[in-house]
Amino acid sequence: MDPGTAALPTHRLFFALWPDAPARAALVRLAHEIAHHVHGKAPREDNLHLTLAFLGAVAAERLDALERIGRDAAAGVAPFGLSLERVGGTGFGIAWLSPDGVPPSLAALHAALAAGIAREGFPIERRMFRPHLTLARHCARAVHRGAVQPVRWTVERLALVESTLAAGGSR
């Protein structure tokens, strides 16, 4: 391959919310309970998050623009409470936890991110925003949908996260 045509290094990125320690502990317990019930696999504790915008492969020289987008979006939204209380699942072997509805502050944060991402020319998902946190993957049984004891935390920070793919899943 000609060195001039070599692919530039990229980073697999997304914007997400990370739960605080008490919420994380509750989520770990719930994820293991659900995974056991549906014969699935709970995510690693340090992978529990709520994705706001998946960006995919991004060239290293575009990181500054994404950091600016994240700072601007977060600055426009005061800290807010988030409550996740509905368990559900997909036909693709995924179990998740979501809020009953999209809280206005979460919707505003997502909208600000989407606007900044689009303005800077990054590709953006066109599907409707359905906030959720993955509790289990590779579920062999159907997930019983319904309400559970709410898991709450105060959202105070937005994270720009790099995901790496490995044999055991993404990290």
Foldseek 3Di string as FASTA:
>chain_A
DPPVPDDAQWFFKFKWFDFDDVLLVVLLVVLVVQCVVQVFAFDDSVPWIKTLWGQGTDGPVCVVLLVVLQVVLLVVAAKDKAKWWKWAADPQFWIKTARPDQPPRNVSSSVSSVVSCVVVPGDTDPDDDGIIITSGGPGNHGGDIDTDDIRMDIGNHMDIDTWDADPVGID
